N, C-alpha and C. Protein backbone atom coordinates (compact mmCIF):
# COMPACT_ATOMS: atom_id res chain seq x y z
N MET A 1 4.50 28.00 -20.52
CA MET A 1 3.92 28.07 -21.86
C MET A 1 4.50 26.94 -22.69
N GLY A 2 3.68 25.97 -23.00
CA GLY A 2 4.15 24.80 -23.71
C GLY A 2 4.28 25.03 -25.21
N LEU A 3 5.20 24.31 -25.77
CA LEU A 3 5.38 24.36 -27.22
C LEU A 3 4.45 23.34 -27.87
N THR A 4 3.99 23.67 -29.04
CA THR A 4 3.09 22.77 -29.77
C THR A 4 3.91 21.75 -30.56
N ALA A 5 3.21 20.77 -31.10
CA ALA A 5 3.88 19.77 -31.94
C ALA A 5 4.49 20.41 -33.17
N LEU A 6 3.85 21.42 -33.71
CA LEU A 6 4.40 22.13 -34.88
C LEU A 6 5.70 22.84 -34.51
N ASP A 7 5.75 23.44 -33.32
CA ASP A 7 6.98 24.10 -32.87
C ASP A 7 8.11 23.09 -32.76
N TYR A 8 7.83 21.93 -32.19
CA TYR A 8 8.87 20.91 -32.05
C TYR A 8 9.28 20.35 -33.41
N ARG A 9 8.34 20.20 -34.32
CA ARG A 9 8.70 19.70 -35.65
C ARG A 9 9.64 20.68 -36.34
N ARG A 10 9.36 21.96 -36.23
CA ARG A 10 10.24 22.98 -36.84
C ARG A 10 11.63 22.94 -36.20
N GLN A 11 11.68 22.76 -34.87
CA GLN A 11 12.99 22.69 -34.21
C GLN A 11 13.77 21.46 -34.68
N LEU A 12 13.08 20.33 -34.81
CA LEU A 12 13.75 19.12 -35.28
C LEU A 12 14.24 19.29 -36.72
N GLN A 13 13.46 19.95 -37.55
CA GLN A 13 13.88 20.18 -38.93
C GLN A 13 15.09 21.11 -38.99
N GLN A 14 15.18 22.06 -38.07
CA GLN A 14 16.32 22.97 -38.06
C GLN A 14 17.60 22.27 -37.63
N LEU A 15 17.48 21.13 -36.94
CA LEU A 15 18.65 20.36 -36.54
C LEU A 15 19.21 19.51 -37.69
N LEU A 16 18.41 19.34 -38.75
CA LEU A 16 18.86 18.54 -39.89
C LEU A 16 19.91 19.31 -40.69
N PRO A 17 20.86 18.58 -41.27
CA PRO A 17 21.83 19.26 -42.13
C PRO A 17 21.16 19.76 -43.41
N PRO A 18 21.72 20.76 -44.04
CA PRO A 18 21.12 21.25 -45.29
C PRO A 18 21.37 20.25 -46.42
N GLY A 19 20.48 20.32 -47.41
CA GLY A 19 20.67 19.47 -48.58
C GLY A 19 19.38 18.82 -49.03
N ALA A 20 19.41 18.32 -50.24
CA ALA A 20 18.22 17.72 -50.84
C ALA A 20 17.88 16.37 -50.20
N ALA A 21 18.83 15.76 -49.53
CA ALA A 21 18.57 14.46 -48.88
C ALA A 21 17.70 14.62 -47.64
N TRP A 22 17.55 15.83 -47.17
CA TRP A 22 16.79 16.10 -45.95
C TRP A 22 15.63 17.05 -46.27
N PRO A 23 14.60 16.55 -46.93
CA PRO A 23 13.51 17.43 -47.35
C PRO A 23 12.71 17.97 -46.16
N ARG A 24 12.20 19.19 -46.34
CA ARG A 24 11.41 19.82 -45.29
C ARG A 24 9.97 20.08 -45.73
N ASP A 25 9.57 19.50 -46.83
CA ASP A 25 8.20 19.65 -47.33
C ASP A 25 7.24 18.96 -46.36
N ASP A 26 5.99 19.47 -46.28
CA ASP A 26 5.00 18.92 -45.36
C ASP A 26 4.61 17.48 -45.70
N ASP A 27 4.69 17.09 -46.98
CA ASP A 27 4.26 15.74 -47.35
C ASP A 27 5.41 14.75 -47.45
N ALA A 28 6.62 15.17 -47.10
CA ALA A 28 7.79 14.28 -47.17
C ALA A 28 7.72 13.25 -46.03
N ALA A 29 8.28 12.07 -46.30
CA ALA A 29 8.27 11.00 -45.30
C ALA A 29 9.07 11.40 -44.07
N LEU A 30 10.19 12.10 -44.25
CA LEU A 30 11.01 12.53 -43.13
C LEU A 30 10.25 13.53 -42.26
N THR A 31 9.47 14.42 -42.89
CA THR A 31 8.68 15.40 -42.13
C THR A 31 7.62 14.69 -41.30
N ARG A 32 6.98 13.67 -41.88
CA ARG A 32 5.98 12.91 -41.13
C ARG A 32 6.62 12.16 -39.96
N LEU A 33 7.84 11.63 -40.17
CA LEU A 33 8.55 10.95 -39.09
C LEU A 33 8.89 11.94 -37.96
N LEU A 34 9.37 13.12 -38.34
CA LEU A 34 9.68 14.13 -37.34
C LEU A 34 8.42 14.64 -36.65
N ALA A 35 7.29 14.68 -37.38
CA ALA A 35 6.03 15.14 -36.79
C ALA A 35 5.56 14.18 -35.70
N SER A 36 5.76 12.88 -35.92
CA SER A 36 5.35 11.92 -34.89
C SER A 36 6.22 12.07 -33.64
N ALA A 37 7.51 12.31 -33.80
CA ALA A 37 8.38 12.54 -32.65
C ALA A 37 8.01 13.87 -31.97
N ALA A 38 7.65 14.87 -32.79
CA ALA A 38 7.30 16.18 -32.25
C ALA A 38 6.03 16.12 -31.40
N GLU A 39 5.09 15.26 -31.78
CA GLU A 39 3.86 15.12 -30.99
C GLU A 39 4.18 14.59 -29.60
N GLU A 40 5.09 13.63 -29.51
CA GLU A 40 5.47 13.09 -28.21
C GLU A 40 6.22 14.13 -27.38
N LEU A 41 7.09 14.88 -28.03
CA LEU A 41 7.81 15.93 -27.31
C LEU A 41 6.84 17.00 -26.78
N ALA A 42 5.82 17.36 -27.56
CA ALA A 42 4.83 18.34 -27.12
C ALA A 42 4.00 17.79 -25.97
N ARG A 43 3.70 16.50 -26.02
CA ARG A 43 2.95 15.89 -24.92
C ARG A 43 3.76 15.93 -23.63
N ILE A 44 5.05 15.59 -23.71
CA ILE A 44 5.92 15.61 -22.54
C ILE A 44 6.07 17.05 -22.01
N ASP A 45 6.17 18.00 -22.92
CA ASP A 45 6.25 19.42 -22.53
C ASP A 45 4.98 19.84 -21.78
N GLY A 46 3.83 19.40 -22.29
CA GLY A 46 2.56 19.71 -21.63
C GLY A 46 2.47 19.10 -20.24
N ARG A 47 2.98 17.88 -20.10
CA ARG A 47 2.99 17.24 -18.77
C ARG A 47 3.89 18.00 -17.80
N GLY A 48 5.00 18.54 -18.31
CA GLY A 48 5.87 19.35 -17.47
C GLY A 48 5.15 20.60 -16.98
N ASP A 49 4.37 21.23 -17.86
CA ASP A 49 3.58 22.40 -17.45
C ASP A 49 2.54 22.00 -16.41
N GLN A 50 1.94 20.82 -16.59
CA GLN A 50 0.94 20.35 -15.64
C GLN A 50 1.57 20.10 -14.27
N MET A 51 2.83 19.64 -14.24
CA MET A 51 3.50 19.42 -12.96
C MET A 51 3.71 20.73 -12.21
N LEU A 52 3.90 21.83 -12.94
CA LEU A 52 3.99 23.13 -12.28
C LEU A 52 2.67 23.48 -11.60
N VAL A 53 1.56 23.15 -12.25
CA VAL A 53 0.25 23.39 -11.64
C VAL A 53 0.07 22.49 -10.44
N GLU A 54 0.51 21.25 -10.53
CA GLU A 54 0.37 20.29 -9.44
C GLU A 54 1.24 20.65 -8.23
N SER A 55 2.24 21.49 -8.42
CA SER A 55 3.09 21.89 -7.30
C SER A 55 2.42 22.90 -6.39
N ASP A 56 1.25 23.38 -6.77
CA ASP A 56 0.47 24.31 -5.96
C ASP A 56 -0.68 23.55 -5.30
N PRO A 57 -0.72 23.47 -3.95
CA PRO A 57 -1.79 22.68 -3.32
C PRO A 57 -3.19 23.24 -3.56
N ARG A 58 -3.29 24.50 -3.96
CA ARG A 58 -4.61 25.08 -4.23
C ARG A 58 -5.18 24.61 -5.55
N ALA A 59 -4.34 24.09 -6.45
CA ALA A 59 -4.80 23.70 -7.77
C ALA A 59 -4.53 22.24 -8.11
N THR A 60 -3.94 21.51 -7.20
CA THR A 60 -3.56 20.14 -7.50
C THR A 60 -4.78 19.25 -7.71
N SER A 61 -4.64 18.28 -8.58
CA SER A 61 -5.69 17.28 -8.76
C SER A 61 -5.06 15.89 -8.84
N GLU A 62 -4.09 15.71 -9.72
CA GLU A 62 -3.45 14.40 -9.86
C GLU A 62 -2.62 14.03 -8.64
N MET A 63 -1.98 15.00 -8.02
CA MET A 63 -1.09 14.72 -6.90
C MET A 63 -1.73 15.03 -5.55
N LEU A 64 -3.05 15.14 -5.52
CA LEU A 64 -3.75 15.46 -4.27
C LEU A 64 -3.49 14.40 -3.20
N ASP A 65 -3.48 13.13 -3.58
CA ASP A 65 -3.20 12.06 -2.61
C ASP A 65 -1.80 12.20 -2.02
N ASP A 66 -0.83 12.54 -2.87
CA ASP A 66 0.55 12.71 -2.38
C ASP A 66 0.65 13.90 -1.43
N TRP A 67 0.02 15.01 -1.78
CA TRP A 67 0.01 16.18 -0.90
C TRP A 67 -0.61 15.82 0.44
N GLU A 68 -1.75 15.13 0.42
CA GLU A 68 -2.42 14.76 1.67
C GLU A 68 -1.55 13.84 2.52
N ARG A 69 -0.90 12.88 1.91
CA ARG A 69 -0.04 11.97 2.65
C ARG A 69 1.11 12.74 3.31
N ASN A 70 1.69 13.69 2.61
CA ASN A 70 2.81 14.45 3.16
C ASN A 70 2.39 15.36 4.31
N PHE A 71 1.14 15.79 4.36
CA PHE A 71 0.67 16.68 5.42
C PHE A 71 -0.22 15.96 6.43
N GLY A 72 -0.23 14.63 6.42
CA GLY A 72 -0.96 13.87 7.43
C GLY A 72 -2.46 13.91 7.28
N LEU A 73 -2.94 14.00 6.08
CA LEU A 73 -4.37 14.00 5.82
C LEU A 73 -4.75 12.67 5.17
N PRO A 74 -5.95 12.22 5.30
CA PRO A 74 -7.05 12.81 6.05
C PRO A 74 -6.83 12.70 7.55
N ASP A 75 -7.25 13.74 8.24
CA ASP A 75 -7.07 13.81 9.68
C ASP A 75 -8.06 12.85 10.34
N PRO A 76 -7.58 11.96 11.23
CA PRO A 76 -8.50 11.01 11.87
C PRO A 76 -9.53 11.69 12.76
N CYS A 77 -9.30 12.93 13.15
CA CYS A 77 -10.24 13.64 14.02
C CYS A 77 -11.42 14.22 13.23
N LEU A 78 -11.26 14.41 11.95
CA LEU A 78 -12.30 15.04 11.14
C LEU A 78 -13.00 14.01 10.27
N THR A 79 -14.25 14.30 9.95
CA THR A 79 -14.99 13.40 9.06
C THR A 79 -14.38 13.47 7.67
N ALA A 80 -14.41 12.38 6.98
CA ALA A 80 -13.82 12.32 5.65
C ALA A 80 -14.65 13.14 4.67
N THR A 81 -13.97 13.78 3.74
CA THR A 81 -14.64 14.55 2.70
C THR A 81 -14.57 13.79 1.39
N ALA A 82 -15.61 13.90 0.61
CA ALA A 82 -15.67 13.15 -0.64
C ALA A 82 -15.21 13.98 -1.83
N SER A 83 -15.51 15.27 -1.84
CA SER A 83 -15.21 16.07 -3.02
C SER A 83 -13.75 16.53 -3.01
N ALA A 84 -13.20 16.66 -4.20
CA ALA A 84 -11.81 17.11 -4.34
C ALA A 84 -11.65 18.55 -3.87
N ALA A 85 -12.68 19.37 -4.05
CA ALA A 85 -12.61 20.77 -3.61
C ALA A 85 -12.49 20.86 -2.09
N GLU A 86 -13.26 20.05 -1.36
CA GLU A 86 -13.17 20.05 0.10
C GLU A 86 -11.82 19.51 0.56
N ARG A 87 -11.32 18.50 -0.13
CA ARG A 87 -10.02 17.95 0.22
C ARG A 87 -8.92 19.00 0.00
N ARG A 88 -9.01 19.74 -1.11
CA ARG A 88 -8.04 20.81 -1.36
C ARG A 88 -8.13 21.91 -0.31
N LYS A 89 -9.36 22.21 0.14
CA LYS A 89 -9.55 23.23 1.17
C LYS A 89 -8.88 22.81 2.47
N ARG A 90 -9.06 21.56 2.88
CA ARG A 90 -8.41 21.07 4.10
C ARG A 90 -6.89 21.06 3.94
N LEU A 91 -6.43 20.70 2.74
CA LEU A 91 -5.00 20.71 2.48
C LEU A 91 -4.44 22.12 2.60
N GLN A 92 -5.13 23.10 2.05
CA GLN A 92 -4.68 24.50 2.14
C GLN A 92 -4.60 24.94 3.59
N GLN A 93 -5.60 24.56 4.39
CA GLN A 93 -5.57 24.91 5.81
C GLN A 93 -4.36 24.28 6.50
N LYS A 94 -4.07 23.04 6.16
CA LYS A 94 -2.95 22.34 6.80
C LYS A 94 -1.61 22.92 6.36
N VAL A 95 -1.50 23.29 5.08
CA VAL A 95 -0.25 23.87 4.58
C VAL A 95 0.00 25.23 5.23
N ALA A 96 -1.06 26.02 5.39
CA ALA A 96 -0.92 27.35 5.98
C ALA A 96 -0.93 27.34 7.50
N TRP A 97 -1.02 26.18 8.09
CA TRP A 97 -1.14 26.03 9.54
C TRP A 97 0.08 26.63 10.23
N GLN A 98 -0.17 27.52 11.16
CA GLN A 98 0.91 28.13 11.93
C GLN A 98 1.00 27.55 13.34
N GLY A 99 -0.12 27.11 13.88
CA GLY A 99 -0.13 26.60 15.24
C GLY A 99 -0.13 27.73 16.25
N GLY A 100 -0.32 27.40 17.48
CA GLY A 100 -0.32 28.40 18.53
C GLY A 100 -0.88 27.84 19.82
N GLN A 101 -0.78 28.65 20.88
CA GLN A 101 -1.28 28.23 22.17
C GLN A 101 -2.16 29.29 22.80
N SER A 102 -2.43 30.36 22.11
CA SER A 102 -3.23 31.44 22.68
C SER A 102 -4.72 31.14 22.55
N ALA A 103 -5.52 31.85 23.33
CA ALA A 103 -6.97 31.70 23.25
C ALA A 103 -7.46 32.10 21.86
N ALA A 104 -6.88 33.16 21.31
CA ALA A 104 -7.29 33.62 19.97
C ALA A 104 -7.03 32.54 18.92
N PHE A 105 -5.93 31.82 19.06
CA PHE A 105 -5.64 30.74 18.12
C PHE A 105 -6.71 29.66 18.16
N PHE A 106 -7.11 29.23 19.37
CA PHE A 106 -8.10 28.16 19.48
C PHE A 106 -9.48 28.64 19.04
N ILE A 107 -9.82 29.89 19.27
CA ILE A 107 -11.10 30.42 18.79
C ILE A 107 -11.12 30.43 17.27
N ALA A 108 -9.99 30.85 16.65
CA ALA A 108 -9.90 30.84 15.18
C ALA A 108 -9.94 29.42 14.64
N LEU A 109 -9.28 28.48 15.32
CA LEU A 109 -9.30 27.09 14.90
C LEU A 109 -10.72 26.54 14.92
N LEU A 110 -11.45 26.80 15.99
CA LEU A 110 -12.83 26.32 16.10
C LEU A 110 -13.71 26.96 15.04
N ALA A 111 -13.51 28.23 14.77
CA ALA A 111 -14.30 28.90 13.73
C ALA A 111 -14.02 28.27 12.36
N SER A 112 -12.76 27.93 12.08
CA SER A 112 -12.44 27.31 10.79
C SER A 112 -13.01 25.90 10.68
N LEU A 113 -13.26 25.25 11.83
CA LEU A 113 -13.85 23.91 11.83
C LEU A 113 -15.37 23.95 11.82
N GLY A 114 -15.95 25.16 11.81
CA GLY A 114 -17.41 25.29 11.75
C GLY A 114 -18.06 25.50 13.11
N TYR A 115 -17.33 26.00 14.08
CA TYR A 115 -17.86 26.29 15.41
C TYR A 115 -17.64 27.77 15.74
N PRO A 116 -18.39 28.66 15.12
CA PRO A 116 -18.21 30.08 15.43
C PRO A 116 -18.83 30.43 16.79
N GLY A 117 -18.36 31.49 17.38
CA GLY A 117 -18.93 31.97 18.64
C GLY A 117 -18.42 31.27 19.88
N CYS A 118 -17.33 30.55 19.79
CA CYS A 118 -16.77 29.86 20.95
C CYS A 118 -15.96 30.85 21.79
N SER A 119 -15.79 30.50 23.05
CA SER A 119 -14.98 31.34 23.94
C SER A 119 -14.07 30.45 24.77
N VAL A 120 -12.99 31.05 25.28
CA VAL A 120 -12.01 30.33 26.08
C VAL A 120 -11.95 30.98 27.45
N THR A 121 -12.02 30.15 28.50
CA THR A 121 -11.89 30.62 29.88
C THR A 121 -10.66 29.96 30.48
N GLU A 122 -9.78 30.78 31.02
CA GLU A 122 -8.60 30.26 31.70
C GLU A 122 -8.79 30.43 33.20
N TYR A 123 -8.36 29.43 33.96
CA TYR A 123 -8.52 29.46 35.41
C TYR A 123 -7.16 29.73 36.05
N TRP A 124 -7.18 30.51 37.09
CA TRP A 124 -5.96 30.84 37.82
C TRP A 124 -6.21 30.59 39.31
N PRO A 125 -5.27 30.05 40.02
CA PRO A 125 -5.46 29.86 41.45
C PRO A 125 -5.34 31.20 42.18
N MET A 126 -6.01 31.29 43.31
CA MET A 126 -5.89 32.51 44.11
C MET A 126 -4.55 32.48 44.82
N VAL A 127 -3.83 33.56 44.68
CA VAL A 127 -2.52 33.69 45.33
C VAL A 127 -2.47 35.02 46.06
N ALA A 128 -1.44 35.20 46.85
CA ALA A 128 -1.29 36.48 47.54
C ALA A 128 -1.21 37.59 46.50
N GLY A 129 -1.96 38.61 46.70
CA GLY A 129 -1.99 39.72 45.75
C GLY A 129 -3.15 39.63 44.78
N SER A 130 -3.96 38.56 44.83
CA SER A 130 -5.13 38.45 43.96
C SER A 130 -6.19 39.45 44.40
N LYS A 131 -7.11 39.75 43.54
CA LYS A 131 -8.22 40.64 43.88
C LYS A 131 -9.07 40.01 44.97
N CYS A 132 -9.75 40.84 45.72
CA CYS A 132 -10.57 40.35 46.84
C CYS A 132 -11.71 39.46 46.36
N ASN A 133 -12.23 39.73 45.17
CA ASN A 133 -13.37 38.94 44.69
C ASN A 133 -12.94 37.78 43.78
N ALA A 134 -11.64 37.45 43.75
CA ALA A 134 -11.15 36.34 42.92
C ALA A 134 -11.63 35.01 43.50
N ALA A 135 -11.90 34.07 42.61
CA ALA A 135 -12.37 32.75 43.05
C ALA A 135 -11.25 32.00 43.75
N LEU A 136 -11.64 31.18 44.71
CA LEU A 136 -10.67 30.36 45.44
C LEU A 136 -10.52 29.02 44.72
N ASN A 137 -9.65 28.97 43.75
CA ASN A 137 -9.42 27.74 42.99
C ASN A 137 -8.29 26.95 43.60
N GLN A 138 -8.32 25.66 43.39
CA GLN A 138 -7.25 24.80 43.87
C GLN A 138 -6.01 25.01 42.99
N GLY A 139 -4.87 24.59 43.46
CA GLY A 139 -3.63 24.78 42.73
C GLY A 139 -3.61 24.08 41.38
N GLY A 140 -4.32 22.95 41.25
CA GLY A 140 -4.34 22.23 39.98
C GLY A 140 -5.02 22.99 38.86
N TRP A 141 -5.80 23.99 39.21
CA TRP A 141 -6.50 24.75 38.18
C TRP A 141 -5.57 25.69 37.43
N ARG A 142 -4.38 25.81 37.89
CA ARG A 142 -3.43 26.69 37.20
C ARG A 142 -3.30 26.30 35.73
N TYR A 143 -3.42 25.04 35.45
CA TYR A 143 -3.22 24.55 34.09
C TYR A 143 -4.53 24.13 33.41
N ALA A 144 -5.65 24.49 33.99
CA ALA A 144 -6.95 24.11 33.42
C ALA A 144 -7.52 25.28 32.61
N TRP A 145 -8.23 24.95 31.55
CA TRP A 145 -8.93 25.93 30.75
C TRP A 145 -10.14 25.28 30.11
N ARG A 146 -11.09 26.09 29.71
CA ARG A 146 -12.35 25.58 29.20
C ARG A 146 -12.69 26.27 27.89
N ILE A 147 -13.17 25.47 26.96
CA ILE A 147 -13.70 26.02 25.71
C ILE A 147 -15.21 25.87 25.78
N SER A 148 -15.90 26.98 25.59
CA SER A 148 -17.37 26.99 25.59
C SER A 148 -17.87 27.01 24.16
N VAL A 149 -18.57 25.98 23.77
CA VAL A 149 -19.11 25.83 22.42
C VAL A 149 -20.61 26.12 22.49
N PRO A 150 -21.13 26.97 21.59
CA PRO A 150 -22.58 27.22 21.61
C PRO A 150 -23.37 25.92 21.47
N LEU A 151 -24.48 25.84 22.18
CA LEU A 151 -25.29 24.61 22.22
C LEU A 151 -25.78 24.20 20.84
N ALA A 152 -26.05 25.19 20.00
CA ALA A 152 -26.56 24.88 18.66
C ALA A 152 -25.54 24.17 17.80
N ALA A 153 -24.30 24.08 18.26
CA ALA A 153 -23.25 23.49 17.44
C ALA A 153 -23.51 22.02 17.14
N ASP A 154 -23.90 21.26 18.15
CA ASP A 154 -24.04 19.82 17.90
C ASP A 154 -24.88 19.18 19.01
N VAL A 155 -26.19 19.23 18.88
CA VAL A 155 -27.09 18.63 19.85
C VAL A 155 -27.89 17.54 19.16
N LYS A 156 -27.97 16.38 19.79
CA LYS A 156 -28.77 15.28 19.26
C LYS A 156 -29.83 14.95 20.28
N THR A 157 -31.08 14.97 19.86
CA THR A 157 -32.17 14.64 20.77
C THR A 157 -32.82 13.34 20.33
N LEU A 158 -33.39 12.64 21.31
CA LEU A 158 -34.05 11.37 21.03
C LEU A 158 -35.33 11.64 20.23
N THR A 159 -35.54 10.85 19.22
CA THR A 159 -36.76 10.97 18.41
C THR A 159 -37.64 9.75 18.67
N VAL A 160 -38.79 9.76 18.07
CA VAL A 160 -39.74 8.67 18.24
C VAL A 160 -39.15 7.36 17.73
N THR A 161 -38.33 7.44 16.71
CA THR A 161 -37.77 6.22 16.13
C THR A 161 -36.51 5.76 16.86
N GLY A 162 -36.09 6.48 17.91
CA GLY A 162 -34.89 6.11 18.65
C GLY A 162 -35.11 4.86 19.50
N ARG A 163 -34.00 4.25 19.93
CA ARG A 163 -34.08 3.07 20.78
C ARG A 163 -34.21 3.47 22.24
N CYS A 164 -34.72 2.56 23.03
CA CYS A 164 -34.93 2.83 24.46
C CYS A 164 -33.62 3.08 25.19
N SER A 165 -32.54 2.51 24.70
CA SER A 165 -31.25 2.65 25.39
C SER A 165 -30.55 3.97 25.06
N GLU A 166 -31.08 4.75 24.12
CA GLU A 166 -30.44 6.01 23.75
C GLU A 166 -30.80 7.09 24.76
N PRO A 167 -29.88 8.04 25.01
CA PRO A 167 -30.19 9.13 25.94
C PRO A 167 -31.22 10.08 25.34
N LEU A 168 -31.93 10.80 26.22
CA LEU A 168 -32.92 11.76 25.75
C LEU A 168 -32.27 12.88 24.94
N ALA A 169 -31.10 13.30 25.34
CA ALA A 169 -30.35 14.31 24.60
C ALA A 169 -28.87 14.05 24.80
N SER A 170 -28.10 14.34 23.78
CA SER A 170 -26.65 14.22 23.90
C SER A 170 -26.01 15.32 23.07
N TRP A 171 -24.86 15.70 23.45
CA TRP A 171 -24.15 16.73 22.71
C TRP A 171 -22.68 16.39 22.74
N GLY A 172 -21.97 17.09 21.94
CA GLY A 172 -20.55 16.83 21.85
C GLY A 172 -20.18 16.31 20.48
N ASP A 173 -18.98 16.54 20.12
CA ASP A 173 -18.47 16.11 18.84
C ASP A 173 -17.14 15.40 19.09
N PRO A 174 -17.09 14.08 18.91
CA PRO A 174 -15.83 13.38 19.16
C PRO A 174 -14.69 13.91 18.30
N GLY A 175 -14.99 14.34 17.08
CA GLY A 175 -13.95 14.91 16.22
C GLY A 175 -13.39 16.19 16.79
N LEU A 176 -14.27 17.02 17.35
CA LEU A 176 -13.83 18.27 17.97
C LEU A 176 -12.96 17.98 19.19
N MET A 177 -13.39 17.04 20.02
CA MET A 177 -12.60 16.69 21.20
C MET A 177 -11.24 16.13 20.81
N CYS A 178 -11.21 15.31 19.76
CA CYS A 178 -9.96 14.74 19.28
C CYS A 178 -9.03 15.84 18.78
N MET A 179 -9.57 16.77 17.99
CA MET A 179 -8.77 17.85 17.43
C MET A 179 -8.19 18.74 18.52
N LEU A 180 -9.02 19.11 19.50
CA LEU A 180 -8.54 19.97 20.58
C LEU A 180 -7.53 19.25 21.46
N ALA A 181 -7.75 17.96 21.71
CA ALA A 181 -6.80 17.19 22.51
C ALA A 181 -5.45 17.08 21.80
N LYS A 182 -5.49 17.04 20.48
CA LYS A 182 -4.26 16.92 19.71
C LYS A 182 -3.44 18.21 19.75
N TYR A 183 -4.11 19.37 19.74
CA TYR A 183 -3.39 20.64 19.61
C TYR A 183 -3.29 21.45 20.90
N LYS A 184 -3.89 20.99 21.97
CA LYS A 184 -3.79 21.73 23.23
C LYS A 184 -2.37 21.61 23.77
N PRO A 185 -1.94 22.57 24.58
CA PRO A 185 -0.63 22.41 25.22
C PRO A 185 -0.62 21.15 26.08
N ALA A 186 0.45 20.40 26.03
CA ALA A 186 0.50 19.08 26.66
C ALA A 186 0.34 19.12 28.16
N HIS A 187 0.75 20.18 28.80
CA HIS A 187 0.71 20.23 30.27
C HIS A 187 -0.63 20.72 30.81
N THR A 188 -1.60 20.99 29.94
CA THR A 188 -2.86 21.58 30.39
C THR A 188 -3.97 20.54 30.47
N ILE A 189 -5.02 20.92 31.19
CA ILE A 189 -6.24 20.11 31.31
C ILE A 189 -7.33 20.88 30.60
N LEU A 190 -7.95 20.28 29.61
CA LEU A 190 -8.95 20.95 28.80
C LEU A 190 -10.34 20.44 29.13
N TYR A 191 -11.27 21.37 29.32
CA TYR A 191 -12.68 21.05 29.51
C TYR A 191 -13.45 21.68 28.36
N ILE A 192 -14.44 20.96 27.86
CA ILE A 192 -15.29 21.50 26.80
C ILE A 192 -16.70 21.56 27.35
N SER A 193 -17.30 22.73 27.29
CA SER A 193 -18.69 22.87 27.75
C SER A 193 -19.55 23.29 26.57
N TYR A 194 -20.74 22.74 26.51
CA TYR A 194 -21.69 23.04 25.45
C TYR A 194 -22.85 23.81 26.05
N GLY A 195 -23.33 24.78 25.29
CA GLY A 195 -24.52 25.49 25.71
C GLY A 195 -24.28 26.88 26.22
N VAL A 196 -23.09 27.36 26.15
CA VAL A 196 -22.81 28.72 26.64
C VAL A 196 -22.75 29.66 25.47
């Protein structure tokens, strides 16, 4: 709660010694001098209150660039956002980021990036004691897993105005692949399938 210029002027007047040499009338020259100093003190007080607001990433505006720099934003894997509200939203996600390696974590991450309905499949090699109907996977599959992204997520088809060298259809999101490659466990092999 900031103090007004009038509050600061009264405080400055109370610091003056008593006596007729130190008038406190509103039209006195000394009061006008103290009023000009009080306006600057009130402005500085207001800026201090604004800094408290700026310390919250959900409400920051002036220090948004500093917040983003400290949390590694803008992320090179994601498309750049133009509006301050979208930038604050990404900042909030990054500040609240917990990380993880579970399938539930990656499904939640994909949903927050705009890919709902994804699923994770983990592959395991067949070993002694496996079920009779278990797939016979090679040993390297122990560390492989697949994320299935619904086909509607990102499909580009050739149009009449397309060039001859363009494919008839393509899918995939380089930003999504970049993001998943960045956060996947380092020892694993990740496959992304579209259309499931």
